[in-house]
Structure formats: C-alpha cells, structure tokens
Amino acid sequence: MTLSEIQSLVQNDIQAVDQLILKRLASDVVLINQIGHYIINSGGKRLRPLLVLLSARACGYQGTDHRLMAAVIEFIHTSTLLHDDVVDESDTRRGNKTANNVWGNAASVLVGDFLYSRSFEMMVEPGNIRIMQVMSQATNVIAEGEVLQLLNCHDAGTTQERYMEVIHRKTAKLFEAATQMGPILANKPELETAFTNYGRHLGAAFQLIDDVLDYTADEAELGKNVGDDLAEGKPTLPLIYSLKNGSDEEKAIIRRAIESEGADLLKEVTEIIKRSGAIDYTKHIAQQEAELAKKALTPLSESALKTALCALADLAVSRSH
C-alpha cells in the first residue's frame, strides 16, 4: 500500500483533524498564530496523528475523540520541533527556514511552550485518566530523551545501546503514545500492549532511517541540510558502526568529526560510512524494528486497517525522505 492508499482509509478523519488543528491553534496573541501556522503548515508527513486515527479505527472505535487526540499528538510533536531547532541551532526544516531562523529563539521556545500547554488543555476533554497517564508520561520521557541526546553530543564513546535508548525515548515514545490511543479509546485494554509495542518499534525504525538519510538523501528531497547530525556532533548509528569497524585512520577522522569538526569533515566521513557497510547495517536494524512492529499486531483481527498499519512499517524503512 502507498501512503495515499493508507490515508484514504481515514480520509474523513484526516480532514476533521486538519480543521481541528487550525481551530485549536488560534490565540489572541498574533505571534503565536503566525509561528504556529508557519510550522504546522510547513509540509510535515502528519504520520503521528495518522497513527492515532488508524489505531482507533482498527480497534473498532466509533466516536470522535480520536480526532482530538490526533491533534494533541501533532501539537506535542510540533512543540518538540520548535524546541529542537533552537537546541540544534538549525536554520532549515522541510525545505523552509526554521521558525527560530525567522522569529528568533525566544519566540520559538515560548510558542513551543504554548503548543505543549494547549495539548494538555485538549487531552483532558475525553475525561479518560488513562489517556492522561500515557500522554503525561510520554512528554516526560521525550524530555529525558532530549537531555540524553544532549549528553551524547560530541561524545565519540557513545555506544549503540546508548544511541538506541535515546531514539526510543526521543522519537519512538510519541509513536508509542499515538498508537496506544486506539485501544484506550476503544476500551480494549487487552490490545494496549500490542499497540504500544507496535508504536515503539515503528518509531525506532523511522528514526534509524532518518539517520541513514542524513548521509544518503538528496538534500532537496530531504528538506534539510544533509549532514546536519554530524555538524551537530550527534553520534548516530552509522557513525557508531563506522567508528567500531573502520581502520585506525578512519576511526581518527570520525572521532574528530564527532568531537569538534563535523561540518568540515562531512565529505570524508560520508565516504567512510559508505565504505564501512554502516548504511546497510543501520537499514538492517531498521528492518528488524519494522518486522517487530508488524509482529506486535498479531493479536489484532485481520482487516484493511491492520494491513495499513503493517504497510506503514514497511514504508518507514523504504522511504527516501
């Protein structure tokens, strides 16, 4: 299935979520409206809200609160992007200038805070304590992941285990929360573990491929500067693998790149990564995560929606941007 075919299964829900996002983004403060609309409408995949919609429908949910929670997930994701771009000093995202590049760091951080707090206003509306438990824990774990990533920056001693912990906290946790909404809203606690595991493994696969694309993608298609992770001193899995398996000379170059000279050594490091087999290795780990995601859905009855969720796991690995 293509992404468009998957989206067509919940097209009415997607349109309703888009309208809900615009409505709940509104504020009396003009700058919040400007930055909020800028980042929300900047061409994101909207994958996380799509996961909420598909998961809820796959569990047989017939109400409308899944649309509200899809918007909540998108607001939380957007707030993390605003904060990330400030921390990483990024100037491009999805082919556009970042909000902090246009309005400055202070405005971006504060509007990110607004989106976080607005999401919490919205998530209490279904009156479901389990939703609150999952979402409040998720936002806390994501924050921990951000701090762990910060600690790993410029640390050439970062292991694969430490790296995987960061992506499980920083990226996969929101995927996990998104897919958990389905069984929670449908009042099917017996399926919650299955959807939790599906989201966790899907999110890990997605991030692993993101890290591959940072060294292999076409810059225009990727929508950001290729090599950004290296320039920021982030030891992602392709770097960690190359550092472990390269020659002494190659290891020295990668170590220098991670610790201080990333942007200057991008071409050399990219060539080392490609020679070392790091790209194939990272793709292999991503494929393993995708297979675990699909396997997690075994307890779910067969349906077009289950097929779509499995197809998303395949697309997470095969995508080019």
C-alpha atoms as a PDB file:
ATOM      1  CA  MET A   1       0.000   0.000   0.000  1.00  0.00           C
ATOM      2  CA  THR A   2       1.119   3.530  -0.734  1.00  0.00           C
ATOM      3  CA  LEU A   3       0.826   6.300   1.841  1.00  0.00           C
ATOM      4  CA  SER A   4      -2.055   7.814  -0.130  1.00  0.00           C
ATOM      5  CA  GLU A   5      -3.913   4.490  -0.085  1.00  0.00           C
ATOM      6  CA  ILE A   6      -3.377   4.213   3.662  1.00  0.00           C
ATOM      7  CA  GLN A   7      -4.611   7.770   4.223  1.00  0.00           C
ATOM      8  CA  SER A   8      -7.715   7.115   2.109  1.00  0.00           C
ATOM      9  CA  LEU A   9      -8.962   4.656   4.747  1.00  0.00           C
ATOM     10  CA  VAL A  10      -9.390   7.508   7.235  1.00  0.00           C
ATOM     11  CA  GLN A  11      -9.704  10.464   4.862  1.00  0.00           C
ATOM     12  CA  ASN A  12     -12.715  11.995   6.622  1.00  0.00           C
ATOM     13  CA  ASP A  13     -10.889  11.784   9.937  1.00  0.00           C
ATOM     14  CA  ILE A  14      -7.788  13.419   8.447  1.00  0.00           C
ATOM     15  CA  GLN A  15      -9.804  16.346   7.133  1.00  0.00           C
ATOM     16  CA  ALA A  16     -11.524  16.745  10.502  1.00  0.00           C
ATOM     17  CA  VAL A  17      -8.136  16.722  12.289  1.00  0.00           C
ATOM     18  CA  ASP A  18      -6.791  19.391   9.934  1.00  0.00           C
ATOM     19  CA  GLN A  19      -9.737  21.631  10.782  1.00  0.00           C
ATOM     20  CA  LEU A  20      -9.380  20.892  14.488  1.00  0.00           C
ATOM     21  CA  ILE A  21      -5.689  21.790  14.428  1.00  0.00           C
ATOM     22  CA  LEU A  22      -6.426  25.161  12.847  1.00  0.00           C
ATOM     23  CA  LYS A  23      -9.239  25.852  15.307  1.00  0.00           C
ATOM     24  CA  ARG A  24      -7.248  24.924  18.421  1.00  0.00           C
ATOM     25  CA  LEU A  25      -4.144  26.734  17.228  1.00  0.00           C
ATOM     26  CA  ALA A  26      -5.982  30.046  17.420  1.00  0.00           C
ATOM     27  CA  SER A  27      -4.809  32.550  20.033  1.00  0.00           C
ATOM     28  CA  ASP A  28      -5.390  36.204  20.840  1.00  0.00           C
ATOM     29  CA  VAL A  29      -1.617  36.629  20.625  1.00  0.00           C
ATOM     30  CA  VAL A  30      -0.753  37.353  16.991  1.00  0.00           C
ATOM     31  CA  LEU A  31       2.794  35.963  17.127  1.00  0.00           C
ATOM     32  CA  ILE A  32       1.519  32.599  18.385  1.00  0.00           C
ATOM     33  CA  ASN A  33      -0.820  32.400  15.388  1.00  0.00           C
ATOM     34  CA  GLN A  34       1.965  33.336  12.987  1.00  0.00           C
ATOM     35  CA  ILE A  35       4.542  30.851  14.244  1.00  0.00           C
ATOM     36  CA  GLY A  36       2.013  28.119  14.940  1.00  0.00           C
ATOM     37  CA  HIS A  37       0.568  28.251  11.444  1.00  0.00           C
ATOM     38  CA  TYR A  38       4.040  28.505   9.922  1.00  0.00           C
ATOM     39  CA  ILE A  39       5.321  25.313  11.498  1.00  0.00           C
ATOM     40  CA  ILE A  40       2.044  23.329  11.311  1.00  0.00           C
ATOM     41  CA  ASN A  41       1.640  24.126   7.597  1.00  0.00           C
ATOM     42  CA  SER A  42       5.265  23.569   6.613  1.00  0.00           C
ATOM     43  CA  GLY A  43       4.782  20.243   4.877  1.00  0.00           C
ATOM     44  CA  GLY A  44       5.166  17.586   7.575  1.00  0.00           C
ATOM     45  CA  LYS A  45       4.093  13.994   6.975  1.00  0.00           C
ATOM     46  CA  ARG A  46       1.477  14.063   9.767  1.00  0.00           C
ATOM     47  CA  LEU A  47       2.432  10.442  10.406  1.00  0.00           C
ATOM     48  CA  ARG A  48       1.856  10.521  14.162  1.00  0.00           C
ATOM     49  CA  PRO A  49      -1.743  11.795  14.006  1.00  0.00           C
ATOM     50  CA  LEU A  50      -2.385   9.286  11.208  1.00  0.00           C
ATOM     51  CA  LEU A  51      -1.300   6.532  13.608  1.00  0.00           C
ATOM     52  CA  VAL A  52      -3.883   7.687  16.156  1.00  0.00           C
ATOM     53  CA  LEU A  53      -6.650   7.567  13.560  1.00  0.00           C
ATOM     54  CA  LEU A  54      -5.684   4.181  12.117  1.00  0.00           C
ATOM     55  CA  SER A  55      -5.169   2.592  15.525  1.00  0.00           C
ATOM     56  CA  ALA A  56      -8.511   3.784  16.838  1.00  0.00           C
ATOM     57  CA  ARG A  57     -10.414   2.592  13.787  1.00  0.00           C
ATOM     58  CA  ALA A  58      -8.503  -0.725  13.764  1.00  0.00           C
ATOM     59  CA  CYS A  59      -9.703  -1.288  17.331  1.00  0.00           C
ATOM     60  CA  GLY A  60     -13.296  -0.632  16.296  1.00  0.00           C
ATOM     61  CA  TYR A  61     -13.633   2.830  17.850  1.00  0.00           C
ATOM     62  CA  GLN A  62     -16.705   4.671  16.543  1.00  0.00           C
ATOM     63  CA  GLY A  63     -16.515   8.019  18.332  1.00  0.00           C
ATOM     64  CA  THR A  64     -14.687  11.259  17.513  1.00  0.00           C
ATOM     65  CA  ASP A  65     -12.201  11.703  20.377  1.00  0.00           C
ATOM     66  CA  HIS A  66      -9.518  10.021  18.261  1.00  0.00           C
ATOM     67  CA  ARG A  67      -9.527  13.167  16.121  1.00  0.00           C
ATOM     68  CA  LEU A  68      -8.919  15.298  19.191  1.00  0.00           C
ATOM     69  CA  MET A  69      -6.049  13.062  20.301  1.00  0.00           C
ATOM     70  CA  ALA A  70      -4.541  13.101  16.807  1.00  0.00           C
ATOM     71  CA  ALA A  71      -4.409  16.898  17.043  1.00  0.00           C
ATOM     72  CA  VAL A  72      -2.899  16.636  20.539  1.00  0.00           C
ATOM     73  CA  ILE A  73      -0.139  14.353  19.233  1.00  0.00           C
ATOM     74  CA  GLU A  74       0.592  16.747  16.370  1.00  0.00           C
ATOM     75  CA  PHE A  75       0.806  19.716  18.756  1.00  0.00           C
ATOM     76  CA  ILE A  76       3.229  17.876  21.020  1.00  0.00           C
ATOM     77  CA  HIS A  77       5.332  16.835  18.030  1.00  0.00           C
ATOM     78  CA  THR A  78       5.362  20.382  16.685  1.00  0.00           C
ATOM     79  CA  SER A  79       6.397  21.812  20.043  1.00  0.00           C
ATOM     80  CA  THR A  80       9.341  19.400  20.168  1.00  0.00           C
ATOM     81  CA  LEU A  81      10.381  20.523  16.675  1.00  0.00           C
ATOM     82  CA  LEU A  82      10.354  24.161  17.736  1.00  0.00           C
ATOM     83  CA  HIS A  83      12.490  23.364  20.774  1.00  0.00           C
ATOM     84  CA  ASP A  84      14.796  21.010  18.838  1.00  0.00           C
ATOM     85  CA  ASP A  85      15.587  23.610  16.223  1.00  0.00           C
ATOM     86  CA  VAL A  86      16.628  26.069  18.917  1.00  0.00           C
ATOM     87  CA  VAL A  87      18.795  23.492  20.723  1.00  0.00           C
ATOM     88  CA  ASP A  88      20.372  22.315  17.446  1.00  0.00           C
ATOM     89  CA  GLU A  89      20.682  25.860  16.058  1.00  0.00           C
ATOM     90  CA  SER A  90      19.029  24.605  12.869  1.00  0.00           C
ATOM     91  CA  ASP A  91      18.176  27.015  10.084  1.00  0.00           C
ATOM     92  CA  THR A  92      16.247  24.690   7.729  1.00  0.00           C
ATOM     93  CA  ARG A  93      13.440  22.168   8.200  1.00  0.00           C
ATOM     94  CA  ARG A  94      11.287  20.548   5.492  1.00  0.00           C
ATOM     95  CA  GLY A  95      12.904  22.822   2.930  1.00  0.00           C
ATOM     96  CA  ASN A  96      11.849  26.009   4.747  1.00  0.00           C
ATOM     97  CA  LYS A  97      13.553  28.333   7.174  1.00  0.00           C
ATOM     98  CA  THR A  98      13.040  27.202  10.758  1.00  0.00           C
ATOM     99  CA  ALA A  99      10.826  29.334  12.994  1.00  0.00           C
ATOM    100  CA  ASN A 100      13.823  30.331  15.127  1.00  0.00           C
ATOM    101  CA  ASN A 101      15.598  31.478  11.966  1.00  0.00           C
ATOM    102  CA  VAL A 102      12.647  33.735  11.109  1.00  0.00           C
ATOM    103  CA  TRP A 103      11.435  34.936  14.540  1.00  0.00           C
ATOM    104  CA  GLY A 104      14.337  34.147  16.863  1.00  0.00           C
ATOM    105  CA  ASN A 105      14.997  31.599  19.581  1.00  0.00           C
ATOM    106  CA  ALA A 106      12.948  33.211  22.342  1.00  0.00           C
ATOM    107  CA  ALA A 107       9.745  33.318  20.293  1.00  0.00           C
ATOM    108  CA  SER A 108      10.206  29.723  19.110  1.00  0.00           C
ATOM    109  CA  VAL A 109      10.712  28.375  22.635  1.00  0.00           C
ATOM    110  CA  LEU A 110       7.704  30.243  24.004  1.00  0.00           C
ATOM    111  CA  VAL A 111       5.375  29.195  21.180  1.00  0.00           C
ATOM    112  CA  GLY A 112       6.585  25.628  21.681  1.00  0.00           C
ATOM    113  CA  ASP A 113       5.539  26.006  25.321  1.00  0.00           C
ATOM    114  CA  PHE A 114       2.144  27.287  24.187  1.00  0.00           C
ATOM    115  CA  LEU A 115       1.613  24.221  21.991  1.00  0.00           C
ATOM    116  CA  TYR A 116       2.603  21.912  24.853  1.00  0.00           C
ATOM    117  CA  SER A 117       0.175  23.569  27.251  1.00  0.00           C
ATOM    118  CA  ARG A 118      -2.609  23.715  24.646  1.00  0.00           C
ATOM    119  CA  SER A 119      -2.189  19.990  24.052  1.00  0.00           C
ATOM    120  CA  PHE A 120      -2.715  19.334  27.771  1.00  0.00           C
ATOM    121  CA  GLU A 121      -5.847  21.506  27.749  1.00  0.00           C
ATOM    122  CA  MET A 122      -7.179  19.338  24.924  1.00  0.00           C
ATOM    123  CA  MET A 123      -6.218  15.915  26.242  1.00  0.00           C
ATOM    124  CA  VAL A 124      -8.344  16.305  29.399  1.00  0.00           C
ATOM    125  CA  GLU A 125     -11.505  16.726  27.321  1.00  0.00           C
ATOM    126  CA  PRO A 126     -12.264  12.995  26.798  1.00  0.00           C
ATOM    127  CA  GLY A 127     -12.271  12.641  30.616  1.00  0.00           C
ATOM    128  CA  ASN A 128     -10.154   9.498  30.419  1.00  0.00           C
ATOM    129  CA  ILE A 129      -7.493   9.168  33.129  1.00  0.00           C
ATOM    130  CA  ARG A 130      -5.617   6.509  31.140  1.00  0.00           C
ATOM    131  CA  ILE A 131      -5.117   8.985  28.285  1.00  0.00           C
ATOM    132  CA  MET A 132      -3.708  11.486  30.750  1.00  0.00           C
ATOM    133  CA  GLN A 133      -1.375   8.887  32.244  1.00  0.00           C
ATOM    134  CA  VAL A 134       0.003   7.841  28.861  1.00  0.00           C
ATOM    135  CA  MET A 135       0.396  11.335  27.441  1.00  0.00           C
ATOM    136  CA  SER A 136       1.907  12.945  30.539  1.00  0.00           C
ATOM    137  CA  GLN A 137       4.425  10.119  30.840  1.00  0.00           C
ATOM    138  CA  ALA A 138       5.233  10.327  27.136  1.00  0.00           C
ATOM    139  CA  THR A 139       6.043  14.045  27.258  1.00  0.00           C
ATOM    140  CA  ASN A 140       8.262  13.465  30.283  1.00  0.00           C
ATOM    141  CA  VAL A 141      10.148  10.592  28.613  1.00  0.00           C
ATOM    142  CA  ILE A 142      10.610  12.668  25.431  1.00  0.00           C
ATOM    143  CA  ALA A 143      12.176  15.448  27.505  1.00  0.00           C
ATOM    144  CA  GLU A 144      14.514  12.900  29.104  1.00  0.00           C
ATOM    145  CA  GLY A 145      15.455  11.674  25.633  1.00  0.00           C
ATOM    146  CA  GLU A 146      16.318  15.205  24.565  1.00  0.00           C
ATOM    147  CA  VAL A 147      18.629  15.592  27.565  1.00  0.00           C
ATOM    148  CA  LEU A 148      20.262  12.203  26.923  1.00  0.00           C
ATOM    149  CA  GLN A 149      20.893  13.204  23.315  1.00  0.00           C
ATOM    150  CA  LEU A 150      22.451  16.433  24.518  1.00  0.00           C
ATOM    151  CA  LEU A 151      24.772  14.438  26.796  1.00  0.00           C
ATOM    152  CA  ASN A 152      25.774  12.203  23.858  1.00  0.00           C
ATOM    153  CA  CYS A 153      26.597  15.128  21.574  1.00  0.00           C
ATOM    154  CA  HIS A 154      30.302  15.309  20.728  1.00  0.00           C
ATOM    155  CA  ASP A 155      30.870  12.071  22.676  1.00  0.00           C
ATOM    156  CA  ALA A 156      32.700   9.622  20.413  1.00  0.00           C
ATOM    157  CA  GLY A 157      32.337   6.971  23.106  1.00  0.00           C
ATOM    158  CA  THR A 158      28.565   6.717  22.632  1.00  0.00           C
ATOM    159  CA  THR A 159      27.571   3.056  22.241  1.00  0.00           C
ATOM    160  CA  GLN A 160      24.836   1.551  20.112  1.00  0.00           C
ATOM    161  CA  GLU A 161      22.916   0.788  23.312  1.00  0.00           C
ATOM    162  CA  ARG A 162      23.039   4.428  24.449  1.00  0.00           C
ATOM    163  CA  TYR A 163      22.024   5.578  20.997  1.00  0.00           C
ATOM    164  CA  MET A 164      19.033   3.197  20.899  1.00  0.00           C
ATOM    165  CA  GLU A 165      17.933   4.405  24.323  1.00  0.00           C
ATOM    166  CA  VAL A 166      17.894   7.978  23.025  1.00  0.00           C
ATOM    167  CA  ILE A 167      15.779   7.177  19.963  1.00  0.00           C
ATOM    168  CA  HIS A 168      13.366   5.055  21.978  1.00  0.00           C
ATOM    169  CA  ARG A 169      12.827   7.972  24.340  1.00  0.00           C
ATOM    170  CA  LYS A 170      13.108  10.928  21.972  1.00  0.00           C
ATOM    171  CA  THR A 171      11.309   9.610  18.881  1.00  0.00           C
ATOM    172  CA  ALA A 172       9.655   6.248  19.455  1.00  0.00           C
ATOM    173  CA  LYS A 173       7.852   7.297  22.635  1.00  0.00           C
ATOM    174  CA  LEU A 174       5.476   9.637  20.804  1.00  0.00           C
ATOM    175  CA  PHE A 175       4.774   6.965  18.164  1.00  0.00           C
ATOM    176  CA  GLU A 176       4.023   4.603  21.048  1.00  0.00           C
ATOM    177  CA  ALA A 177       1.655   7.083  22.703  1.00  0.00           C
ATOM    178  CA  ALA A 178      -0.098   7.711  19.379  1.00  0.00           C
ATOM    179  CA  THR A 179      -0.821   4.032  18.761  1.00  0.00           C
ATOM    180  CA  GLN A 180      -1.840   3.423  22.391  1.00  0.00           C
ATOM    181  CA  MET A 181      -4.713   5.866  21.909  1.00  0.00           C
ATOM    182  CA  GLY A 182      -6.543   3.323  19.741  1.00  0.00           C
ATOM    183  CA  PRO A 183      -7.160   0.575  22.305  1.00  0.00           C
ATOM    184  CA  ILE A 184      -7.603   3.110  25.118  1.00  0.00           C
ATOM    185  CA  LEU A 185     -10.353   4.992  23.294  1.00  0.00           C
ATOM    186  CA  ALA A 186     -11.963   1.743  22.109  1.00  0.00           C
ATOM    187  CA  ASN A 187     -11.856   0.387  25.680  1.00  0.00           C
ATOM    188  CA  LYS A 188      -9.886  -2.673  24.620  1.00  0.00           C
ATOM    189  CA  PRO A 189      -7.155  -2.942  27.279  1.00  0.00           C
ATOM    190  CA  GLU A 190      -6.268  -6.419  26.026  1.00  0.00           C
ATOM    191  CA  LEU A 191      -4.840  -4.791  22.869  1.00  0.00           C
ATOM    192  CA  GLU A 192      -2.907  -1.996  24.560  1.00  0.00           C
ATOM    193  CA  THR A 193       0.380  -3.910  24.872  1.00  0.00           C
ATOM    194  CA  ALA A 194       0.238  -4.905  21.206  1.00  0.00           C
ATOM    195  CA  PHE A 195      -0.254  -1.322  20.036  1.00  0.00           C
ATOM    196  CA  THR A 196       2.335   0.009  22.480  1.00  0.00           C
ATOM    197  CA  ASN A 197       4.956  -2.379  21.097  1.00  0.00           C
ATOM    198  CA  TYR A 198       3.921  -1.646  17.521  1.00  0.00           C
ATOM    199  CA  GLY A 199       4.386   2.091  18.015  1.00  0.00           C
ATOM    200  CA  ARG A 200       7.708   1.709  19.821  1.00  0.00           C
ATOM    201  CA  HIS A 201       9.276  -0.451  17.119  1.00  0.00           C
ATOM    202  CA  LEU A 202       7.792   1.620  14.292  1.00  0.00           C
ATOM    203  CA  GLY A 203       9.212   4.809  15.808  1.00  0.00           C
ATOM    204  CA  ALA A 204      12.657   3.239  16.167  1.00  0.00           C
ATOM    205  CA  ALA A 205      12.618   2.076  12.534  1.00  0.00           C
ATOM    206  CA  PHE A 206      11.558   5.554  11.411  1.00  0.00           C
ATOM    207  CA  GLN A 207      14.396   7.259  13.309  1.00  0.00           C
ATOM    208  CA  LEU A 208      17.026   4.786  12.129  1.00  0.00           C
ATOM    209  CA  ILE A 209      16.129   5.520   8.520  1.00  0.00           C
ATOM    210  CA  ASP A 210      16.203   9.251   9.278  1.00  0.00           C
ATOM    211  CA  ASP A 211      19.785   8.755  10.427  1.00  0.00           C
ATOM    212  CA  VAL A 212      20.629   6.888   7.211  1.00  0.00           C
ATOM    213  CA  LEU A 213      19.070   9.639   5.102  1.00  0.00           C
ATOM    214  CA  ASP A 214      21.277  12.212   6.805  1.00  0.00           C
ATOM    215  CA  TYR A 215      24.162  10.713   4.813  1.00  0.00           C
ATOM    216  CA  THR A 216      22.447   9.386   1.683  1.00  0.00           C
ATOM    217  CA  ALA A 217      19.431  11.533   0.769  1.00  0.00           C
ATOM    218  CA  ASP A 218      19.031  14.189  -1.860  1.00  0.00           C
ATOM    219  CA  GLU A 219      19.096  17.457   0.060  1.00  0.00           C
ATOM    220  CA  ALA A 220      16.123  18.997  -1.772  1.00  0.00           C
ATOM    221  CA  GLU A 221      14.033  15.876  -1.199  1.00  0.00           C
ATOM    222  CA  LEU A 222      15.110  15.523   2.432  1.00  0.00           C
ATOM    223  CA  GLY A 223      14.091  19.102   3.217  1.00  0.00           C
ATOM    224  CA  LYS A 224      17.082  19.873   5.421  1.00  0.00           C
ATOM    225  CA  ASN A 225      20.833  20.075   5.111  1.00  0.00           C
ATOM    226  CA  VAL A 226      22.423  16.671   4.561  1.00  0.00           C
ATOM    227  CA  GLY A 227      24.975  16.061   7.301  1.00  0.00           C
ATOM    228  CA  ASP A 228      23.163  18.093   9.942  1.00  0.00           C
ATOM    229  CA  ASP A 229      23.575  15.341  12.535  1.00  0.00           C
ATOM    230  CA  LEU A 230      27.330  15.248  12.023  1.00  0.00           C
ATOM    231  CA  ALA A 231      27.596  19.043  12.091  1.00  0.00           C
ATOM    232  CA  GLU A 232      25.793  18.983  15.453  1.00  0.00           C
ATOM    233  CA  GLY A 233      28.107  16.268  16.808  1.00  0.00           C
ATOM    234  CA  LYS A 234      25.346  13.652  17.096  1.00  0.00           C
ATOM    235  CA  PRO A 235      26.807  10.130  17.116  1.00  0.00           C
ATOM    236  CA  THR A 236      24.054   8.266  15.252  1.00  0.00           C
ATOM    237  CA  LEU A 237      24.239   4.559  14.385  1.00  0.00           C
ATOM    238  CA  PRO A 238      26.034   4.949  11.019  1.00  0.00           C
ATOM    239  CA  LEU A 239      28.811   6.844  12.823  1.00  0.00           C
ATOM    240  CA  ILE A 240      28.907   4.461  15.779  1.00  0.00           C
ATOM    241  CA  TYR A 241      29.205   1.438  13.461  1.00  0.00           C
ATOM    242  CA  SER A 242      31.923   3.067  11.334  1.00  0.00           C
ATOM    243  CA  LEU A 243      33.856   4.081  14.423  1.00  0.00           C
ATOM    244  CA  LYS A 244      33.792   0.489  15.618  1.00  0.00           C
ATOM    245  CA  ASN A 245      34.640  -1.167  12.286  1.00  0.00           C
ATOM    246  CA  GLY A 246      36.832   1.291  10.378  1.00  0.00           C
ATOM    247  CA  SER A 247      40.609   1.419  10.086  1.00  0.00           C
ATOM    248  CA  ASP A 248      42.633   3.311  12.686  1.00  0.00           C
ATOM    249  CA  GLU A 249      42.899   6.264  10.303  1.00  0.00           C
ATOM    250  CA  GLU A 250      39.162   6.227   9.604  1.00  0.00           C
ATOM    251  CA  LYS A 251      38.354   5.983  13.298  1.00  0.00           C
ATOM    252  CA  ALA A 252      40.533   9.026  13.985  1.00  0.00           C
ATOM    253  CA  ILE A 253      38.691  11.053  11.338  1.00  0.00           C
ATOM    254  CA  ILE A 254      35.265  10.078  12.679  1.00  0.00           C
ATOM    255  CA  ARG A 255      36.330  10.802  16.236  1.00  0.00           C
ATOM    256  CA  ARG A 256      37.487  14.295  15.225  1.00  0.00           C
ATOM    257  CA  ALA A 257      34.230  14.832  13.330  1.00  0.00           C
ATOM    258  CA  ILE A 258      32.064  13.871  16.297  1.00  0.00           C
ATOM    259  CA  GLU A 259      34.093  15.802  18.848  1.00  0.00           C
ATOM    260  CA  SER A 260      34.567  19.092  17.018  1.00  0.00           C
ATOM    261  CA  GLU A 261      34.935  19.199  13.231  1.00  0.00           C
ATOM    262  CA  GLY A 262      31.782  17.607  11.863  1.00  0.00           C
ATOM    263  CA  ALA A 263      30.872  20.044   9.122  1.00  0.00           C
ATOM    264  CA  ASP A 264      34.438  20.314   7.840  1.00  0.00           C
ATOM    265  CA  LEU A 265      34.847  16.541   7.584  1.00  0.00           C
ATOM    266  CA  LEU A 266      31.406  15.705   6.154  1.00  0.00           C
ATOM    267  CA  LYS A 267      32.665  14.510   2.757  1.00  0.00           C
ATOM    268  CA  GLU A 268      35.381  12.288   4.233  1.00  0.00           C
ATOM    269  CA  VAL A 269      33.085  10.852   6.896  1.00  0.00           C
ATOM    270  CA  THR A 270      30.319  10.143   4.380  1.00  0.00           C
ATOM    271  CA  GLU A 271      32.753   8.181   2.224  1.00  0.00           C
ATOM    272  CA  ILE A 272      33.954   6.207   5.267  1.00  0.00           C
ATOM    273  CA  ILE A 273      30.378   5.424   6.301  1.00  0.00           C
ATOM    274  CA  LYS A 274      29.540   4.127   2.829  1.00  0.00           C
ATOM    275  CA  ARG A 275      32.712   2.011   2.643  1.00  0.00           C
ATOM    276  CA  SER A 276      32.256   0.535   6.111  1.00  0.00           C
ATOM    277  CA  GLY A 277      28.858  -1.034   5.488  1.00  0.00           C
ATOM    278  CA  ALA A 278      27.289   1.234   8.117  1.00  0.00           C
ATOM    279  CA  ILE A 279      24.383   2.203   5.857  1.00  0.00           C
ATOM    280  CA  ASP A 280      23.409  -1.408   5.203  1.00  0.00           C
ATOM    281  CA  TYR A 281      23.869  -2.268   8.871  1.00  0.00           C
ATOM    282  CA  THR A 282      21.611   0.581  10.026  1.00  0.00           C
ATOM    283  CA  LYS A 283      18.996  -0.335   7.427  1.00  0.00           C
ATOM    284  CA  HIS A 284      19.157  -3.929   8.679  1.00  0.00           C
ATOM    285  CA  ILE A 285      18.478  -2.830  12.256  1.00  0.00           C
ATOM    286  CA  ALA A 286      15.624  -0.625  10.999  1.00  0.00           C
ATOM    287  CA  GLN A 287      14.153  -3.575   9.106  1.00  0.00           C
ATOM    288  CA  GLN A 288      14.329  -5.692  12.258  1.00  0.00           C
ATOM    289  CA  GLU A 289      12.406  -2.995  14.140  1.00  0.00           C
ATOM    290  CA  ALA A 290       9.794  -2.838  11.354  1.00  0.00           C
ATOM    291  CA  GLU A 291       9.327  -6.609  11.490  1.00  0.00           C
ATOM    292  CA  LEU A 292       8.899  -6.453  15.276  1.00  0.00           C
ATOM    293  CA  ALA A 293       6.296  -3.709  14.794  1.00  0.00           C
ATOM    294  CA  LYS A 294       4.280  -5.885  12.421  1.00  0.00           C
ATOM    295  CA  LYS A 295       4.646  -8.948  14.647  1.00  0.00           C
ATOM    296  CA  ALA A 296       3.311  -6.948  17.604  1.00  0.00           C
ATOM    297  CA  LEU A 297      -0.051  -6.638  15.833  1.00  0.00           C
ATOM    298  CA  THR A 298      -0.586 -10.435  15.770  1.00  0.00           C
ATOM    299  CA  PRO A 299      -3.431 -10.248  18.362  1.00  0.00           C
ATOM    300  CA  LEU A 300      -5.362  -7.812  16.142  1.00  0.00           C
ATOM    301  CA  SER A 301      -8.013  -9.259  13.833  1.00  0.00           C
ATOM    302  CA  GLU A 302      -7.289  -9.087  10.121  1.00  0.00           C
ATOM    303  CA  SER A 303      -8.684  -6.017   8.361  1.00  0.00           C
ATOM    304  CA  ALA A 304      -7.760  -3.372   5.831  1.00  0.00           C
ATOM    305  CA  LEU A 305      -6.718  -1.156   8.749  1.00  0.00           C
ATOM    306  CA  LYS A 306      -4.348  -3.791  10.137  1.00  0.00           C
ATOM    307  CA  THR A 307      -2.881  -4.184   6.658  1.00  0.00           C
ATOM    308  CA  ALA A 308      -2.393  -0.408   6.523  1.00  0.00           C
ATOM    309  CA  LEU A 309      -0.585  -0.348   9.873  1.00  0.00           C
ATOM    310  CA  CYS A 310       1.751  -3.114   8.679  1.00  0.00           C
ATOM    311  CA  ALA A 311       2.299  -1.261   5.406  1.00  0.00           C
ATOM    312  CA  LEU A 312       3.326   1.853   7.354  1.00  0.00           C
ATOM    313  CA  ALA A 313       6.092  -0.171   8.997  1.00  0.00           C
ATOM    314  CA  ASP A 314       7.378  -1.173   5.552  1.00  0.00           C
ATOM    315  CA  LEU A 315       7.134   2.403   4.280  1.00  0.00           C
ATOM    316  CA  ALA A 316       9.087   3.687   7.298  1.00  0.00           C
ATOM    317  CA  VAL A 317      12.055   1.625   6.101  1.00  0.00           C
ATOM    318  CA  SER A 318      11.736   2.055   2.327  1.00  0.00           C
ATOM    319  CA  ARG A 319      11.181   5.835   2.227  1.00  0.00           C
ATOM    320  CA  SER A 320      13.606   8.288   0.637  1.00  0.00           C
ATOM    321  CA  HIS A 321      12.738  11.369   2.700  1.00  0.00           C
END
